[in-house]
């Protein structure tokens, strides 16, 4: 799952280009954004976190953002499983809980959790 922030109400198809995004793609995108000169407008929506659930982490993941992000909208893009077995192995993971910790209104949130 990828987490995006924006101050604009965007059409959901604006996230279509991320359908097959991998963690490596996300890291490359973040590096490109950080390498831009100061004052360059940030992409909208701005990717701020990437999650994957695995047995290694007990199917729970929490991230503290390096910079809290202020926004009016939070978009969550659910991504395809990269399991070689897909759902055929019987180990289907269902998303139970998403927690955004922050403040009421268009203010910053420093932590995102997924379980």
N, C-alpha and C. Protein backbone atom coordinates (compact mmCIF):
# COMPACT_ATOMS: atom_id res chain seq x y z
N UNK A 1 0.84 -1.16 0.00
CA UNK A 1 0.00 0.00 0.00
C UNK A 1 0.89 1.23 0.00
N UNK A 2 0.51 2.21 -0.78
CA UNK A 2 1.20 3.49 -0.77
C UNK A 2 0.28 4.54 -0.16
N UNK A 3 0.87 5.48 0.56
CA UNK A 3 0.13 6.57 1.18
C UNK A 3 0.55 7.86 0.49
N UNK A 4 -0.45 8.64 0.07
CA UNK A 4 -0.21 9.91 -0.60
C UNK A 4 -0.92 11.01 0.18
N UNK A 5 -0.39 12.23 0.10
CA UNK A 5 -1.07 13.39 0.69
C UNK A 5 -1.26 14.46 -0.37
N UNK A 6 -2.30 15.26 -0.18
CA UNK A 6 -2.60 16.33 -1.11
C UNK A 6 -3.49 17.36 -0.43
N UNK A 7 -3.45 18.57 -0.93
CA UNK A 7 -4.39 19.59 -0.48
C UNK A 7 -5.55 19.72 -1.45
N UNK A 8 -5.56 18.86 -2.47
CA UNK A 8 -6.60 18.92 -3.49
C UNK A 8 -7.42 17.64 -3.49
N UNK A 9 -8.69 17.78 -3.80
CA UNK A 9 -9.59 16.64 -3.98
C UNK A 9 -9.35 16.11 -5.39
N UNK A 10 -8.62 15.02 -5.50
CA UNK A 10 -8.21 14.49 -6.80
C UNK A 10 -9.09 13.33 -7.24
N UNK A 11 -9.24 13.14 -8.55
CA UNK A 11 -9.96 11.95 -9.02
C UNK A 11 -9.14 10.71 -8.69
N UNK A 12 -9.81 9.63 -8.34
CA UNK A 12 -9.10 8.41 -7.96
C UNK A 12 -8.21 7.87 -9.06
N UNK A 13 -8.57 8.12 -10.31
CA UNK A 13 -7.72 7.60 -11.41
C UNK A 13 -6.38 8.32 -11.49
N UNK A 14 -6.16 9.36 -10.68
CA UNK A 14 -4.86 10.02 -10.66
C UNK A 14 -3.79 9.11 -10.04
N UNK A 15 -4.22 8.03 -9.37
CA UNK A 15 -3.27 7.07 -8.78
C UNK A 15 -3.06 5.85 -9.66
N UNK A 16 -3.72 5.80 -10.81
CA UNK A 16 -3.61 4.62 -11.70
C UNK A 16 -2.18 4.30 -12.10
N UNK A 17 -1.34 5.30 -12.25
CA UNK A 17 0.03 5.05 -12.70
C UNK A 17 0.85 4.29 -11.66
N UNK A 18 0.32 4.12 -10.46
CA UNK A 18 1.03 3.40 -9.40
C UNK A 18 0.54 1.96 -9.22
N UNK A 19 -0.29 1.45 -10.14
CA UNK A 19 -0.84 0.09 -10.02
C UNK A 19 0.22 -0.96 -9.73
N UNK A 20 1.30 -0.92 -10.44
CA UNK A 20 2.33 -1.95 -10.32
C UNK A 20 3.59 -1.44 -9.62
N UNK A 21 3.44 -0.44 -8.79
CA UNK A 21 4.57 0.16 -8.10
C UNK A 21 5.17 -0.81 -7.08
N UNK A 22 6.48 -0.92 -7.08
CA UNK A 22 7.19 -1.75 -6.11
C UNK A 22 7.87 -0.84 -5.10
N UNK A 23 8.43 -1.43 -4.05
CA UNK A 23 9.15 -0.64 -3.06
C UNK A 23 10.35 0.05 -3.71
N UNK A 24 11.01 -0.63 -4.63
CA UNK A 24 12.14 -0.03 -5.33
C UNK A 24 11.69 1.18 -6.15
N UNK A 25 10.52 1.08 -6.80
CA UNK A 25 9.97 2.21 -7.55
C UNK A 25 9.69 3.38 -6.61
N UNK A 26 9.11 3.06 -5.45
CA UNK A 26 8.80 4.10 -4.46
C UNK A 26 10.09 4.79 -3.99
N UNK A 27 11.12 4.01 -3.66
CA UNK A 27 12.38 4.60 -3.21
C UNK A 27 13.00 5.49 -4.28
N UNK A 28 12.94 5.05 -5.54
CA UNK A 28 13.46 5.86 -6.65
C UNK A 28 12.69 7.18 -6.76
N UNK A 29 11.36 7.11 -6.65
CA UNK A 29 10.53 8.30 -6.72
C UNK A 29 10.87 9.28 -5.60
N UNK A 30 11.06 8.78 -4.39
CA UNK A 30 11.42 9.63 -3.25
C UNK A 30 12.78 10.28 -3.48
N UNK A 31 13.75 9.50 -3.98
CA UNK A 31 15.08 10.08 -4.27
C UNK A 31 14.98 11.19 -5.31
N UNK A 32 14.16 10.99 -6.35
CA UNK A 32 13.99 12.01 -7.39
C UNK A 32 13.37 13.28 -6.81
N UNK A 33 12.39 13.12 -5.93
CA UNK A 33 11.74 14.28 -5.32
C UNK A 33 12.74 15.04 -4.44
N UNK A 34 13.52 14.32 -3.65
CA UNK A 34 14.50 14.96 -2.76
C UNK A 34 15.62 15.66 -3.54
N UNK A 35 15.92 15.18 -4.74
CA UNK A 35 17.00 15.75 -5.54
C UNK A 35 16.60 17.03 -6.26
N UNK A 36 15.33 17.37 -6.25
CA UNK A 36 14.87 18.57 -6.94
C UNK A 36 15.36 19.82 -6.21
N UNK A 37 15.63 20.88 -6.95
CA UNK A 37 16.06 22.13 -6.32
C UNK A 37 15.00 22.67 -5.36
N UNK A 38 15.45 23.36 -4.33
CA UNK A 38 14.53 23.98 -3.37
C UNK A 38 13.60 24.92 -4.12
N UNK A 39 12.33 24.88 -3.78
CA UNK A 39 11.35 25.73 -4.44
C UNK A 39 10.62 25.05 -5.59
N UNK A 40 11.10 23.88 -6.01
CA UNK A 40 10.41 23.12 -7.06
C UNK A 40 9.10 22.60 -6.49
N UNK A 41 7.99 22.81 -7.19
CA UNK A 41 6.71 22.29 -6.67
C UNK A 41 6.76 20.77 -6.50
N UNK A 42 6.20 20.28 -5.41
CA UNK A 42 6.16 18.85 -5.15
C UNK A 42 5.06 18.21 -5.99
N UNK A 43 5.19 16.92 -6.32
CA UNK A 43 4.13 16.25 -7.07
C UNK A 43 2.84 16.22 -6.27
N UNK A 44 1.74 16.22 -6.96
CA UNK A 44 0.43 16.17 -6.30
C UNK A 44 -0.38 15.06 -6.94
N UNK A 45 -0.67 14.00 -6.20
CA UNK A 45 -0.43 13.79 -4.77
C UNK A 45 1.02 13.40 -4.49
N UNK A 46 1.46 13.69 -3.28
CA UNK A 46 2.83 13.42 -2.86
C UNK A 46 2.90 12.07 -2.15
N UNK A 47 3.73 11.13 -2.64
CA UNK A 47 3.87 9.85 -1.94
C UNK A 47 4.67 10.06 -0.65
N UNK A 48 4.15 9.54 0.48
CA UNK A 48 4.84 9.74 1.76
C UNK A 48 5.17 8.44 2.48
N UNK A 49 4.58 7.31 2.09
CA UNK A 49 4.88 6.05 2.77
C UNK A 49 4.54 4.88 1.85
N UNK A 50 5.26 3.77 2.06
CA UNK A 50 5.02 2.53 1.33
C UNK A 50 5.00 1.41 2.35
N UNK A 51 3.96 0.58 2.31
CA UNK A 51 3.81 -0.51 3.27
C UNK A 51 3.71 -1.84 2.54
N UNK A 52 4.22 -2.87 3.17
CA UNK A 52 3.96 -4.23 2.75
C UNK A 52 3.87 -5.06 4.02
N UNK A 53 3.01 -6.03 3.99
CA UNK A 53 2.83 -6.89 5.16
C UNK A 53 3.55 -8.21 4.91
N UNK A 54 4.28 -8.67 5.92
CA UNK A 54 4.98 -9.94 5.78
C UNK A 54 4.98 -10.68 7.11
N UNK A 55 5.15 -11.97 7.02
CA UNK A 55 5.20 -12.79 8.22
C UNK A 55 6.38 -12.38 9.09
N UNK A 56 7.46 -11.97 8.47
CA UNK A 56 8.67 -11.55 9.19
C UNK A 56 8.37 -10.46 10.23
N UNK A 57 7.45 -9.56 9.92
CA UNK A 57 7.10 -8.47 10.83
C UNK A 57 5.76 -8.71 11.53
N UNK A 58 5.29 -9.94 11.54
CA UNK A 58 4.02 -10.25 12.20
C UNK A 58 2.83 -9.60 11.54
N UNK A 59 2.93 -9.31 10.25
CA UNK A 59 1.85 -8.68 9.47
C UNK A 59 1.43 -7.33 10.04
N UNK A 60 2.34 -6.65 10.71
CA UNK A 60 2.08 -5.30 11.24
C UNK A 60 3.25 -4.42 10.84
N UNK A 61 2.96 -3.20 10.47
CA UNK A 61 4.03 -2.28 10.12
C UNK A 61 3.64 -0.88 10.54
N UNK A 62 4.57 -0.14 11.09
CA UNK A 62 4.36 1.24 11.50
C UNK A 62 5.53 2.07 10.99
N UNK A 63 5.24 3.24 10.49
CA UNK A 63 6.29 4.12 9.99
C UNK A 63 6.11 5.51 10.58
N UNK A 64 7.20 6.11 10.99
CA UNK A 64 7.20 7.52 11.37
C UNK A 64 7.78 8.29 10.20
N UNK A 65 7.04 9.24 9.70
CA UNK A 65 7.49 10.00 8.54
C UNK A 65 8.66 10.88 8.94
N UNK A 66 9.66 10.99 8.05
CA UNK A 66 10.82 11.81 8.41
C UNK A 66 10.45 13.28 8.54
N UNK A 67 9.44 13.70 7.82
CA UNK A 67 8.91 15.05 7.96
C UNK A 67 7.39 14.92 8.02
N UNK A 68 6.78 15.46 9.09
CA UNK A 68 5.32 15.44 9.16
C UNK A 68 4.75 16.18 7.96
N UNK A 69 3.65 15.70 7.45
CA UNK A 69 3.08 16.29 6.24
C UNK A 69 1.74 16.93 6.55
N UNK A 70 1.57 18.16 6.12
CA UNK A 70 0.28 18.83 6.24
C UNK A 70 -0.53 18.58 4.99
N UNK A 71 -1.82 18.29 5.15
CA UNK A 71 -2.64 18.02 3.98
C UNK A 71 -4.11 18.10 4.36
N UNK A 72 -4.92 18.18 3.34
CA UNK A 72 -6.38 18.13 3.51
C UNK A 72 -6.90 16.74 3.17
N UNK A 73 -6.18 16.00 2.32
CA UNK A 73 -6.61 14.68 1.87
C UNK A 73 -5.47 13.67 2.01
N UNK A 74 -5.83 12.47 2.43
CA UNK A 74 -4.90 11.35 2.48
C UNK A 74 -5.46 10.28 1.54
N UNK A 75 -4.64 9.83 0.61
CA UNK A 75 -5.05 8.81 -0.36
C UNK A 75 -4.27 7.53 -0.08
N UNK A 76 -4.96 6.41 -0.07
CA UNK A 76 -4.34 5.10 0.15
C UNK A 76 -4.49 4.28 -1.12
N UNK A 77 -3.37 3.86 -1.68
CA UNK A 77 -3.37 3.06 -2.91
C UNK A 77 -3.02 1.63 -2.53
N UNK A 78 -3.99 0.73 -2.60
CA UNK A 78 -3.73 -0.69 -2.33
C UNK A 78 -3.08 -1.30 -3.56
N UNK A 79 -1.99 -2.00 -3.35
CA UNK A 79 -1.21 -2.57 -4.44
C UNK A 79 -1.40 -4.07 -4.53
N UNK A 80 -1.07 -4.62 -5.67
CA UNK A 80 -1.17 -6.06 -5.88
C UNK A 80 -0.14 -6.80 -5.03
N UNK A 81 -0.47 -8.01 -4.65
CA UNK A 81 0.45 -8.86 -3.91
C UNK A 81 1.59 -9.28 -4.82
N UNK A 82 2.79 -9.37 -4.25
CA UNK A 82 3.91 -9.86 -5.05
C UNK A 82 4.22 -11.32 -4.74
N UNK A 83 3.27 -11.99 -4.05
CA UNK A 83 3.45 -13.41 -3.75
C UNK A 83 3.44 -14.20 -5.05
N UNK A 84 4.39 -15.14 -5.22
CA UNK A 84 4.38 -15.94 -6.45
C UNK A 84 3.17 -16.85 -6.53
N UNK A 85 2.50 -17.06 -5.41
CA UNK A 85 1.33 -17.94 -5.39
C UNK A 85 0.02 -17.18 -5.47
N UNK A 86 0.06 -15.85 -5.42
CA UNK A 86 -1.16 -15.07 -5.41
C UNK A 86 -2.01 -15.47 -4.23
N UNK A 87 -3.29 -15.64 -4.43
CA UNK A 87 -4.18 -16.06 -3.35
C UNK A 87 -4.38 -17.58 -3.33
N UNK A 88 -3.71 -18.30 -4.22
CA UNK A 88 -3.91 -19.75 -4.32
C UNK A 88 -3.29 -20.52 -3.16
N UNK A 89 -2.36 -19.93 -2.43
CA UNK A 89 -1.69 -20.66 -1.35
C UNK A 89 -2.50 -20.66 -0.05
N UNK A 90 -3.64 -20.00 -0.05
CA UNK A 90 -4.50 -19.99 1.13
C UNK A 90 -4.09 -18.97 2.17
N UNK A 91 -2.98 -18.27 1.96
CA UNK A 91 -2.51 -17.26 2.91
C UNK A 91 -2.96 -15.87 2.48
N UNK A 92 -4.25 -15.68 2.43
CA UNK A 92 -4.81 -14.40 2.02
C UNK A 92 -4.69 -13.44 3.19
N UNK A 93 -4.15 -12.28 2.94
CA UNK A 93 -4.03 -11.26 3.97
C UNK A 93 -5.16 -10.27 3.76
N UNK A 94 -5.93 -10.04 4.80
CA UNK A 94 -6.97 -9.03 4.71
C UNK A 94 -6.55 -7.83 5.54
N UNK A 95 -6.77 -6.68 5.02
CA UNK A 95 -6.43 -5.44 5.70
C UNK A 95 -7.45 -5.20 6.79
N UNK A 96 -6.99 -5.10 8.03
CA UNK A 96 -7.90 -4.94 9.15
C UNK A 96 -7.93 -3.53 9.71
N UNK A 97 -6.85 -2.80 9.59
CA UNK A 97 -6.76 -1.56 10.36
C UNK A 97 -5.75 -0.61 9.73
N UNK A 98 -6.13 0.62 9.55
CA UNK A 98 -5.21 1.67 9.13
C UNK A 98 -5.38 2.80 10.13
N UNK A 99 -4.29 3.25 10.69
CA UNK A 99 -4.32 4.29 11.71
C UNK A 99 -3.45 5.46 11.26
N UNK A 100 -4.04 6.62 11.10
CA UNK A 100 -3.29 7.84 10.81
C UNK A 100 -3.32 8.67 12.08
N UNK A 101 -2.16 8.97 12.60
CA UNK A 101 -2.09 9.74 13.84
C UNK A 101 -1.75 11.17 13.49
N UNK A 102 -2.56 12.09 13.94
CA UNK A 102 -2.31 13.49 13.63
C UNK A 102 -3.34 14.36 14.31
N UNK A 103 -3.80 15.32 13.60
CA UNK A 103 -4.70 16.32 14.16
C UNK A 103 -5.93 16.47 13.28
N UNK A 104 -6.99 17.01 13.83
CA UNK A 104 -8.22 17.25 13.10
C UNK A 104 -8.00 18.37 12.10
N UNK A 105 -8.50 18.21 10.91
CA UNK A 105 -8.39 19.25 9.89
C UNK A 105 -7.14 19.08 9.06
N UNK A 106 -6.87 20.04 8.17
CA UNK A 106 -5.72 19.93 7.27
C UNK A 106 -4.42 20.31 7.99
N UNK A 107 -3.96 19.41 8.85
CA UNK A 107 -2.71 19.62 9.58
C UNK A 107 -1.81 18.42 9.35
N UNK A 108 -0.67 18.41 9.99
CA UNK A 108 0.30 17.35 9.72
C UNK A 108 0.03 16.09 10.53
N UNK A 109 0.44 14.94 9.98
CA UNK A 109 0.40 13.69 10.72
C UNK A 109 1.79 13.06 10.64
N UNK A 110 2.36 12.69 11.82
CA UNK A 110 3.73 12.19 11.83
C UNK A 110 3.85 10.67 11.71
N UNK A 111 2.77 9.90 11.93
CA UNK A 111 2.88 8.45 11.99
C UNK A 111 1.76 7.80 11.20
N UNK A 112 2.10 6.70 10.50
CA UNK A 112 1.10 5.90 9.80
C UNK A 112 1.34 4.44 10.20
N UNK A 113 0.28 3.71 10.54
CA UNK A 113 0.41 2.30 10.91
C UNK A 113 -0.53 1.47 10.05
N UNK A 114 -0.15 0.24 9.83
CA UNK A 114 -0.95 -0.70 9.04
C UNK A 114 -0.89 -2.04 9.71
N UNK A 115 -2.06 -2.69 9.88
CA UNK A 115 -2.08 -4.01 10.51
C UNK A 115 -3.08 -4.88 9.78
